[in-house]
């Protein structure tokens, strides 16, 4: 598997929304909160193309990631894989690359995952610990690994 990251532009916004909706649909339907328009609006209202990267596997778009650097941590704000790329090690490879960069910069990573989503087990398997919960999300922190 050849994993690459490609920059996004403003013109990619609708494609990114479509990926987000496809990736989240099952989890949102499970809790009765699937609303494509809300998913679109929430993403586009805060979309910053310079922070976002397409995830490509063997030259095929598999999803995207958006990391917002903060003063004392990195916020993994969006990380979505299309359903056909889930469960194949792609997400683990992406997360290893992100964690490697965060460790090199000595930065913790914070993120939130939808309650009831399989993403919660995924993040916990990769060293993220829950910090708090809100009505719809569980929030996580991963401290950098020191050499």
N, C-alpha and C. Protein backbone atom coordinates (compact mmCIF):
# COMPACT_ATOMS: atom_id res chain seq x y z
N UNK A 1 0.85 -1.17 0.00
CA UNK A 1 0.00 0.00 0.00
C UNK A 1 0.90 1.24 0.00
N UNK A 2 0.71 2.09 -1.00
CA UNK A 2 1.44 3.35 -1.06
C UNK A 2 0.50 4.46 -0.59
N UNK A 3 0.85 5.06 0.55
CA UNK A 3 0.04 6.11 1.17
C UNK A 3 0.66 7.47 0.85
N UNK A 4 -0.15 8.38 0.32
CA UNK A 4 0.31 9.74 0.05
C UNK A 4 -0.74 10.73 0.53
N UNK A 5 -0.27 11.96 0.77
CA UNK A 5 -1.15 13.05 1.18
C UNK A 5 -1.04 14.14 0.12
N UNK A 6 -2.19 14.62 -0.34
CA UNK A 6 -2.21 15.64 -1.38
C UNK A 6 -2.96 16.87 -0.86
N UNK A 7 -2.42 18.06 -1.11
CA UNK A 7 -3.09 19.28 -0.64
C UNK A 7 -4.48 19.42 -1.25
N UNK A 8 -5.35 20.11 -0.53
CA UNK A 8 -6.67 20.43 -1.05
C UNK A 8 -6.74 21.92 -1.37
N UNK A 9 -7.74 22.28 -2.15
CA UNK A 9 -8.01 23.68 -2.47
C UNK A 9 -9.48 23.96 -2.17
N UNK A 10 -9.85 25.20 -2.23
CA UNK A 10 -11.24 25.58 -2.00
C UNK A 10 -12.17 24.85 -2.97
N UNK A 11 -11.71 24.61 -4.18
CA UNK A 11 -12.56 23.94 -5.18
C UNK A 11 -12.82 22.46 -4.84
N UNK A 12 -12.11 21.92 -3.87
CA UNK A 12 -12.32 20.53 -3.43
C UNK A 12 -13.40 20.40 -2.36
N UNK A 13 -13.96 21.51 -1.93
CA UNK A 13 -14.87 21.50 -0.78
C UNK A 13 -16.02 20.50 -0.92
N UNK A 14 -16.69 20.48 -2.06
CA UNK A 14 -17.83 19.57 -2.21
C UNK A 14 -17.40 18.11 -2.19
N UNK A 15 -16.27 17.81 -2.79
CA UNK A 15 -15.75 16.44 -2.75
C UNK A 15 -15.46 16.02 -1.31
N UNK A 16 -14.88 16.93 -0.53
CA UNK A 16 -14.58 16.64 0.87
C UNK A 16 -15.86 16.43 1.68
N UNK A 17 -16.88 17.25 1.41
CA UNK A 17 -18.17 17.07 2.08
C UNK A 17 -18.74 15.69 1.75
N UNK A 18 -18.67 15.30 0.49
CA UNK A 18 -19.19 13.99 0.08
C UNK A 18 -18.46 12.86 0.80
N UNK A 19 -17.14 12.98 0.95
CA UNK A 19 -16.36 11.97 1.67
C UNK A 19 -16.80 11.94 3.13
N UNK A 20 -16.94 13.12 3.74
CA UNK A 20 -17.35 13.20 5.15
C UNK A 20 -18.69 12.52 5.37
N UNK A 21 -19.65 12.83 4.51
CA UNK A 21 -20.99 12.26 4.64
C UNK A 21 -20.95 10.74 4.47
N UNK A 22 -20.23 10.27 3.46
CA UNK A 22 -20.14 8.82 3.23
C UNK A 22 -19.48 8.11 4.42
N UNK A 23 -18.45 8.73 4.98
CA UNK A 23 -17.72 8.11 6.09
C UNK A 23 -18.54 8.09 7.38
N UNK A 24 -19.34 9.11 7.61
CA UNK A 24 -20.08 9.23 8.87
C UNK A 24 -21.49 8.67 8.82
N UNK A 25 -21.99 8.42 7.65
CA UNK A 25 -23.41 8.07 7.49
C UNK A 25 -23.86 6.95 8.43
N UNK A 26 -23.16 5.83 8.44
CA UNK A 26 -23.59 4.68 9.25
C UNK A 26 -23.66 5.03 10.73
N UNK A 27 -22.63 5.70 11.25
CA UNK A 27 -22.61 6.06 12.67
C UNK A 27 -23.73 7.04 13.00
N UNK A 28 -23.95 8.01 12.13
CA UNK A 28 -25.00 9.00 12.39
C UNK A 28 -26.39 8.39 12.27
N UNK A 29 -26.58 7.49 11.33
CA UNK A 29 -27.88 6.82 11.21
C UNK A 29 -28.16 5.97 12.45
N UNK A 30 -27.11 5.34 12.98
CA UNK A 30 -27.26 4.48 14.16
C UNK A 30 -27.82 5.25 15.35
N UNK A 31 -27.46 6.53 15.47
CA UNK A 31 -27.94 7.33 16.61
C UNK A 31 -29.06 8.29 16.21
N UNK A 32 -29.57 8.14 14.99
CA UNK A 32 -30.69 8.96 14.54
C UNK A 32 -30.34 10.41 14.26
N UNK A 33 -29.08 10.69 13.87
CA UNK A 33 -28.66 12.07 13.64
C UNK A 33 -28.13 12.30 12.23
N UNK A 34 -28.49 11.45 11.28
CA UNK A 34 -27.98 11.65 9.93
C UNK A 34 -28.73 12.79 9.26
N UNK A 35 -28.01 13.85 8.96
CA UNK A 35 -28.56 15.02 8.29
C UNK A 35 -27.47 15.55 7.35
N UNK A 36 -27.51 15.18 6.07
CA UNK A 36 -26.45 15.57 5.14
C UNK A 36 -26.25 17.09 5.06
N UNK A 37 -27.33 17.85 5.16
CA UNK A 37 -27.19 19.31 5.07
C UNK A 37 -26.43 19.85 6.28
N UNK A 38 -26.73 19.33 7.46
CA UNK A 38 -26.01 19.78 8.66
C UNK A 38 -24.53 19.39 8.56
N UNK A 39 -24.25 18.18 8.10
CA UNK A 39 -22.85 17.74 7.93
C UNK A 39 -22.12 18.64 6.95
N UNK A 40 -22.79 19.03 5.89
CA UNK A 40 -22.20 19.91 4.88
C UNK A 40 -21.90 21.28 5.48
N UNK A 41 -22.89 21.86 6.13
CA UNK A 41 -22.75 23.21 6.70
C UNK A 41 -21.67 23.24 7.76
N UNK A 42 -21.67 22.27 8.67
CA UNK A 42 -20.68 22.25 9.76
C UNK A 42 -19.26 22.17 9.21
N UNK A 43 -19.07 21.42 8.14
CA UNK A 43 -17.73 21.31 7.57
C UNK A 43 -17.35 22.60 6.84
N UNK A 44 -18.22 23.09 5.97
CA UNK A 44 -17.88 24.25 5.14
C UNK A 44 -17.70 25.52 5.95
N UNK A 45 -18.41 25.65 7.06
CA UNK A 45 -18.30 26.86 7.88
C UNK A 45 -16.89 27.06 8.44
N UNK A 46 -16.14 25.99 8.59
CA UNK A 46 -14.80 26.10 9.19
C UNK A 46 -13.70 25.52 8.29
N UNK A 47 -14.01 25.28 7.02
CA UNK A 47 -13.05 24.65 6.12
C UNK A 47 -11.88 25.58 5.81
N UNK A 48 -10.67 25.07 6.04
CA UNK A 48 -9.44 25.79 5.69
C UNK A 48 -8.60 24.88 4.81
N UNK A 49 -8.63 25.10 3.49
CA UNK A 49 -7.92 24.20 2.57
C UNK A 49 -6.44 24.03 2.88
N UNK A 50 -5.79 25.05 3.41
CA UNK A 50 -4.35 24.93 3.67
C UNK A 50 -4.03 23.93 4.77
N UNK A 51 -5.01 23.58 5.60
CA UNK A 51 -4.79 22.63 6.70
C UNK A 51 -5.24 21.21 6.36
N UNK A 52 -5.83 21.05 5.20
CA UNK A 52 -6.48 19.79 4.82
C UNK A 52 -5.66 19.06 3.76
N UNK A 53 -5.67 17.73 3.84
CA UNK A 53 -4.96 16.89 2.87
C UNK A 53 -5.85 15.71 2.48
N UNK A 54 -5.88 15.45 1.16
CA UNK A 54 -6.48 14.20 0.70
C UNK A 54 -5.58 13.05 1.13
N UNK A 55 -6.18 11.94 1.47
CA UNK A 55 -5.46 10.70 1.74
C UNK A 55 -5.62 9.85 0.49
N UNK A 56 -4.49 9.47 -0.11
CA UNK A 56 -4.54 8.63 -1.30
C UNK A 56 -3.83 7.31 -1.03
N UNK A 57 -4.43 6.24 -1.51
CA UNK A 57 -3.86 4.90 -1.40
C UNK A 57 -3.67 4.38 -2.81
N UNK A 58 -2.41 4.14 -3.14
CA UNK A 58 -2.07 3.66 -4.49
C UNK A 58 -2.67 4.57 -5.56
N UNK A 59 -2.63 5.88 -5.30
CA UNK A 59 -3.10 6.87 -6.26
C UNK A 59 -4.59 7.12 -6.28
N UNK A 60 -5.34 6.44 -5.42
CA UNK A 60 -6.80 6.58 -5.37
C UNK A 60 -7.19 7.34 -4.11
N UNK A 61 -8.07 8.31 -4.25
CA UNK A 61 -8.53 9.08 -3.10
C UNK A 61 -9.31 8.17 -2.15
N UNK A 62 -8.86 8.12 -0.89
CA UNK A 62 -9.47 7.24 0.12
C UNK A 62 -10.15 8.03 1.22
N UNK A 63 -9.85 9.32 1.34
CA UNK A 63 -10.42 10.13 2.40
C UNK A 63 -9.66 11.43 2.54
N UNK A 64 -9.78 12.03 3.73
CA UNK A 64 -9.03 13.26 3.99
C UNK A 64 -8.80 13.44 5.48
N UNK A 65 -7.86 14.33 5.77
CA UNK A 65 -7.50 14.66 7.14
C UNK A 65 -7.30 16.17 7.23
N UNK A 66 -7.72 16.75 8.35
CA UNK A 66 -7.53 18.18 8.58
C UNK A 66 -7.03 18.36 10.01
N UNK A 67 -5.84 18.91 10.14
CA UNK A 67 -5.22 19.13 11.45
C UNK A 67 -5.07 20.63 11.67
N UNK A 68 -5.58 21.10 12.81
CA UNK A 68 -5.46 22.52 13.17
C UNK A 68 -4.39 22.67 14.25
N UNK A 69 -3.23 23.20 13.90
CA UNK A 69 -2.19 23.43 14.92
C UNK A 69 -2.64 24.50 15.91
N UNK A 70 -2.52 24.20 17.18
CA UNK A 70 -2.82 25.15 18.25
C UNK A 70 -1.50 25.44 18.98
N UNK A 71 -1.53 26.37 19.90
CA UNK A 71 -0.29 26.74 20.61
C UNK A 71 0.31 25.56 21.37
N UNK A 72 -0.55 24.74 22.00
CA UNK A 72 -0.02 23.68 22.86
C UNK A 72 -0.44 22.27 22.45
N UNK A 73 -1.07 22.13 21.29
CA UNK A 73 -1.46 20.81 20.79
C UNK A 73 -1.86 20.90 19.32
N UNK A 74 -2.03 19.75 18.71
CA UNK A 74 -2.62 19.67 17.38
C UNK A 74 -4.04 19.15 17.54
N UNK A 75 -4.98 19.80 16.88
CA UNK A 75 -6.36 19.34 16.88
C UNK A 75 -6.61 18.56 15.59
N UNK A 76 -6.83 17.27 15.74
CA UNK A 76 -7.21 16.43 14.60
C UNK A 76 -8.71 16.64 14.41
N UNK A 77 -9.03 17.65 13.60
CA UNK A 77 -10.40 18.13 13.49
C UNK A 77 -11.26 17.27 12.57
N UNK A 78 -10.67 16.73 11.52
CA UNK A 78 -11.39 15.86 10.59
C UNK A 78 -10.47 14.74 10.14
N UNK A 79 -11.00 13.52 10.15
CA UNK A 79 -10.27 12.36 9.66
C UNK A 79 -11.31 11.37 9.17
N UNK A 80 -11.48 11.31 7.87
CA UNK A 80 -12.52 10.48 7.29
C UNK A 80 -11.96 9.60 6.18
N UNK A 81 -12.35 8.35 6.21
CA UNK A 81 -12.04 7.41 5.14
C UNK A 81 -13.35 6.93 4.53
N UNK A 82 -13.37 6.83 3.21
CA UNK A 82 -14.53 6.25 2.54
C UNK A 82 -14.74 4.82 3.04
N UNK A 83 -15.98 4.38 3.15
CA UNK A 83 -16.25 3.05 3.70
C UNK A 83 -15.45 1.92 3.06
N UNK A 84 -15.23 1.99 1.76
CA UNK A 84 -14.50 0.91 1.09
C UNK A 84 -13.01 0.87 1.46
N UNK A 85 -12.52 1.89 2.14
CA UNK A 85 -11.12 1.92 2.58
C UNK A 85 -10.98 1.68 4.08
N UNK A 86 -12.10 1.54 4.77
CA UNK A 86 -12.06 1.31 6.21
C UNK A 86 -11.79 -0.17 6.49
N UNK A 87 -11.12 -0.42 7.62
CA UNK A 87 -10.85 -1.80 8.02
C UNK A 87 -9.75 -2.48 7.23
N UNK A 88 -8.94 -1.70 6.52
CA UNK A 88 -7.87 -2.27 5.68
C UNK A 88 -6.48 -1.80 6.08
N UNK A 89 -6.39 -1.11 7.23
CA UNK A 89 -5.10 -0.64 7.69
C UNK A 89 -4.74 0.76 7.22
N UNK A 90 -5.59 1.37 6.41
CA UNK A 90 -5.31 2.72 5.90
C UNK A 90 -5.34 3.72 7.05
N UNK A 91 -6.39 3.68 7.85
CA UNK A 91 -6.52 4.61 8.97
C UNK A 91 -5.36 4.49 9.94
N UNK A 92 -4.95 3.26 10.23
CA UNK A 92 -3.82 3.05 11.14
C UNK A 92 -2.55 3.64 10.56
N UNK A 93 -2.34 3.47 9.26
CA UNK A 93 -1.13 4.02 8.63
C UNK A 93 -1.15 5.55 8.66
N UNK A 94 -2.31 6.14 8.41
CA UNK A 94 -2.43 7.60 8.46
C UNK A 94 -2.16 8.08 9.88
N UNK A 95 -2.78 7.44 10.85
CA UNK A 95 -2.60 7.87 12.24
C UNK A 95 -1.16 7.70 12.70
N UNK A 96 -0.50 6.64 12.27
CA UNK A 96 0.92 6.48 12.61
C UNK A 96 1.74 7.64 12.05
N UNK A 97 1.46 8.06 10.83
CA UNK A 97 2.19 9.18 10.22
C UNK A 97 1.94 10.47 10.98
N UNK A 98 0.69 10.72 11.34
CA UNK A 98 0.34 11.93 12.10
C UNK A 98 1.01 11.91 13.47
N UNK A 99 0.94 10.78 14.15
CA UNK A 99 1.55 10.67 15.48
C UNK A 99 3.07 10.81 15.40
N UNK A 100 3.67 10.26 14.38
CA UNK A 100 5.12 10.40 14.19
C UNK A 100 5.50 11.89 14.08
N UNK A 101 4.74 12.64 13.27
CA UNK A 101 5.01 14.08 13.11
C UNK A 101 4.77 14.83 14.42
N UNK A 102 3.69 14.48 15.11
CA UNK A 102 3.40 15.14 16.38
C UNK A 102 4.49 14.84 17.41
N UNK A 103 4.95 13.60 17.46
CA UNK A 103 6.03 13.24 18.38
C UNK A 103 7.30 14.02 18.06
N UNK A 104 7.62 14.14 16.78
CA UNK A 104 8.82 14.87 16.37
C UNK A 104 8.74 16.34 16.78
N UNK A 105 7.51 16.87 16.83
CA UNK A 105 7.30 18.26 17.24
C UNK A 105 6.92 18.40 18.71
N UNK A 106 6.92 17.26 19.42
CA UNK A 106 6.56 17.21 20.85
C UNK A 106 5.19 17.85 21.13
N UNK A 107 4.24 17.51 20.26
CA UNK A 107 2.90 18.07 20.38
C UNK A 107 1.87 16.99 20.72
N UNK A 108 1.05 17.22 21.73
CA UNK A 108 -0.08 16.33 21.98
C UNK A 108 -1.09 16.47 20.83
N UNK A 109 -1.91 15.46 20.66
CA UNK A 109 -2.98 15.51 19.67
C UNK A 109 -4.30 15.38 20.42
N UNK A 110 -5.23 16.26 20.09
CA UNK A 110 -6.59 16.20 20.64
C UNK A 110 -7.57 15.93 19.50
N UNK A 111 -8.67 15.27 19.83
CA UNK A 111 -9.71 15.03 18.84
C UNK A 111 -11.00 14.69 19.54
N UNK A 112 -12.07 14.72 18.79
CA UNK A 112 -13.37 14.29 19.27
C UNK A 112 -13.94 13.26 18.31
N UNK A 113 -14.62 12.26 18.85
CA UNK A 113 -15.25 11.23 18.02
C UNK A 113 -16.70 11.07 18.46
N UNK A 114 -17.56 10.85 17.51
CA UNK A 114 -18.99 10.69 17.76
C UNK A 114 -19.24 9.49 18.67
N UNK A 115 -20.03 9.71 19.71
CA UNK A 115 -20.43 8.59 20.58
C UNK A 115 -21.05 7.49 19.72
N UNK A 116 -20.73 6.27 20.04
CA UNK A 116 -21.31 5.15 19.30
C UNK A 116 -20.60 4.83 18.00
N UNK A 117 -19.60 5.60 17.65
CA UNK A 117 -18.85 5.36 16.42
C UNK A 117 -17.74 4.34 16.68
N UNK A 118 -17.46 3.53 15.66
CA UNK A 118 -16.34 2.59 15.75
C UNK A 118 -15.02 3.33 15.90
N UNK A 119 -14.99 4.61 15.56
CA UNK A 119 -13.76 5.41 15.67
C UNK A 119 -13.26 5.45 17.11
N UNK A 120 -14.14 5.34 18.08
CA UNK A 120 -13.70 5.40 19.48
C UNK A 120 -12.74 4.26 19.82
N UNK A 121 -13.08 3.06 19.43
CA UNK A 121 -12.17 1.92 19.67
C UNK A 121 -10.87 2.10 18.89
N UNK A 122 -10.98 2.60 17.67
CA UNK A 122 -9.81 2.83 16.83
C UNK A 122 -8.83 3.79 17.52
N UNK A 123 -9.32 4.92 18.00
CA UNK A 123 -8.43 5.89 18.64
C UNK A 123 -7.83 5.34 19.94
N UNK A 124 -8.62 4.64 20.71
CA UNK A 124 -8.10 4.07 21.95
C UNK A 124 -7.01 3.03 21.67
N UNK A 125 -7.18 2.24 20.62
CA UNK A 125 -6.14 1.26 20.24
C UNK A 125 -4.84 1.94 19.86
N UNK A 126 -4.93 3.20 19.44
CA UNK A 126 -3.75 3.92 18.99
C UNK A 126 -3.23 4.92 20.01
N UNK A 127 -3.55 4.68 21.29
CA UNK A 127 -2.92 5.46 22.35
C UNK A 127 -3.64 6.72 22.78
N UNK A 128 -4.84 6.95 22.30
CA UNK A 128 -5.61 8.12 22.71
C UNK A 128 -6.44 7.76 23.94
N UNK A 129 -6.46 8.66 24.92
CA UNK A 129 -7.23 8.41 26.13
C UNK A 129 -8.37 9.43 26.22
N UNK A 130 -9.54 8.98 26.67
CA UNK A 130 -10.67 9.90 26.80
C UNK A 130 -10.36 10.97 27.86
N UNK A 131 -10.76 12.20 27.57
CA UNK A 131 -10.57 13.30 28.52
C UNK A 131 -11.90 13.80 29.07
N UNK A 132 -12.91 13.84 28.22
CA UNK A 132 -14.24 14.27 28.65
C UNK A 132 -15.25 13.91 27.56
N UNK A 133 -16.52 14.02 27.94
CA UNK A 133 -17.59 13.71 27.01
C UNK A 133 -18.57 14.87 26.96
N UNK A 134 -19.14 15.06 25.77
CA UNK A 134 -20.22 16.04 25.59
C UNK A 134 -21.45 15.26 25.13
N UNK A 135 -22.51 15.96 24.83
CA UNK A 135 -23.75 15.28 24.47
C UNK A 135 -23.57 14.28 23.33
N UNK A 136 -22.79 14.63 22.32
CA UNK A 136 -22.67 13.79 21.14
C UNK A 136 -21.29 13.20 20.92
N UNK A 137 -20.27 13.71 21.61
CA UNK A 137 -18.90 13.31 21.31
C UNK A 137 -18.14 12.84 22.55
N UNK A 138 -17.11 12.04 22.29
CA UNK A 138 -16.11 11.69 23.30
C UNK A 138 -14.81 12.33 22.83
N UNK A 139 -14.16 13.06 23.72
CA UNK A 139 -12.93 13.79 23.38
C UNK A 139 -11.72 13.03 23.91
N UNK A 140 -10.65 13.07 23.12
CA UNK A 140 -9.46 12.28 23.40
C UNK A 140 -8.20 13.13 23.36
N UNK A 141 -7.16 12.60 24.02
CA UNK A 141 -5.84 13.21 24.03
C UNK A 141 -4.80 12.11 23.87
N UNK A 142 -3.79 12.40 23.07
CA UNK A 142 -2.62 11.53 22.96
C UNK A 142 -1.39 12.39 23.22
N UNK A 143 -0.66 12.03 24.26
CA UNK A 143 0.57 12.75 24.58
C UNK A 143 1.68 12.30 23.64
N UNK A 144 2.62 13.18 23.33
CA UNK A 144 3.72 12.76 22.46
C UNK A 144 4.60 11.73 23.15
N UNK A 145 5.12 10.83 22.35
CA UNK A 145 6.07 9.83 22.84
C UNK A 145 7.44 10.46 22.78
N UNK A 146 8.13 10.46 23.90
CA UNK A 146 9.46 11.08 23.99
C UNK A 146 10.53 10.04 23.67
N UNK A 147 11.57 10.49 23.00
CA UNK A 147 12.71 9.60 22.71
C UNK A 147 13.52 9.34 23.95
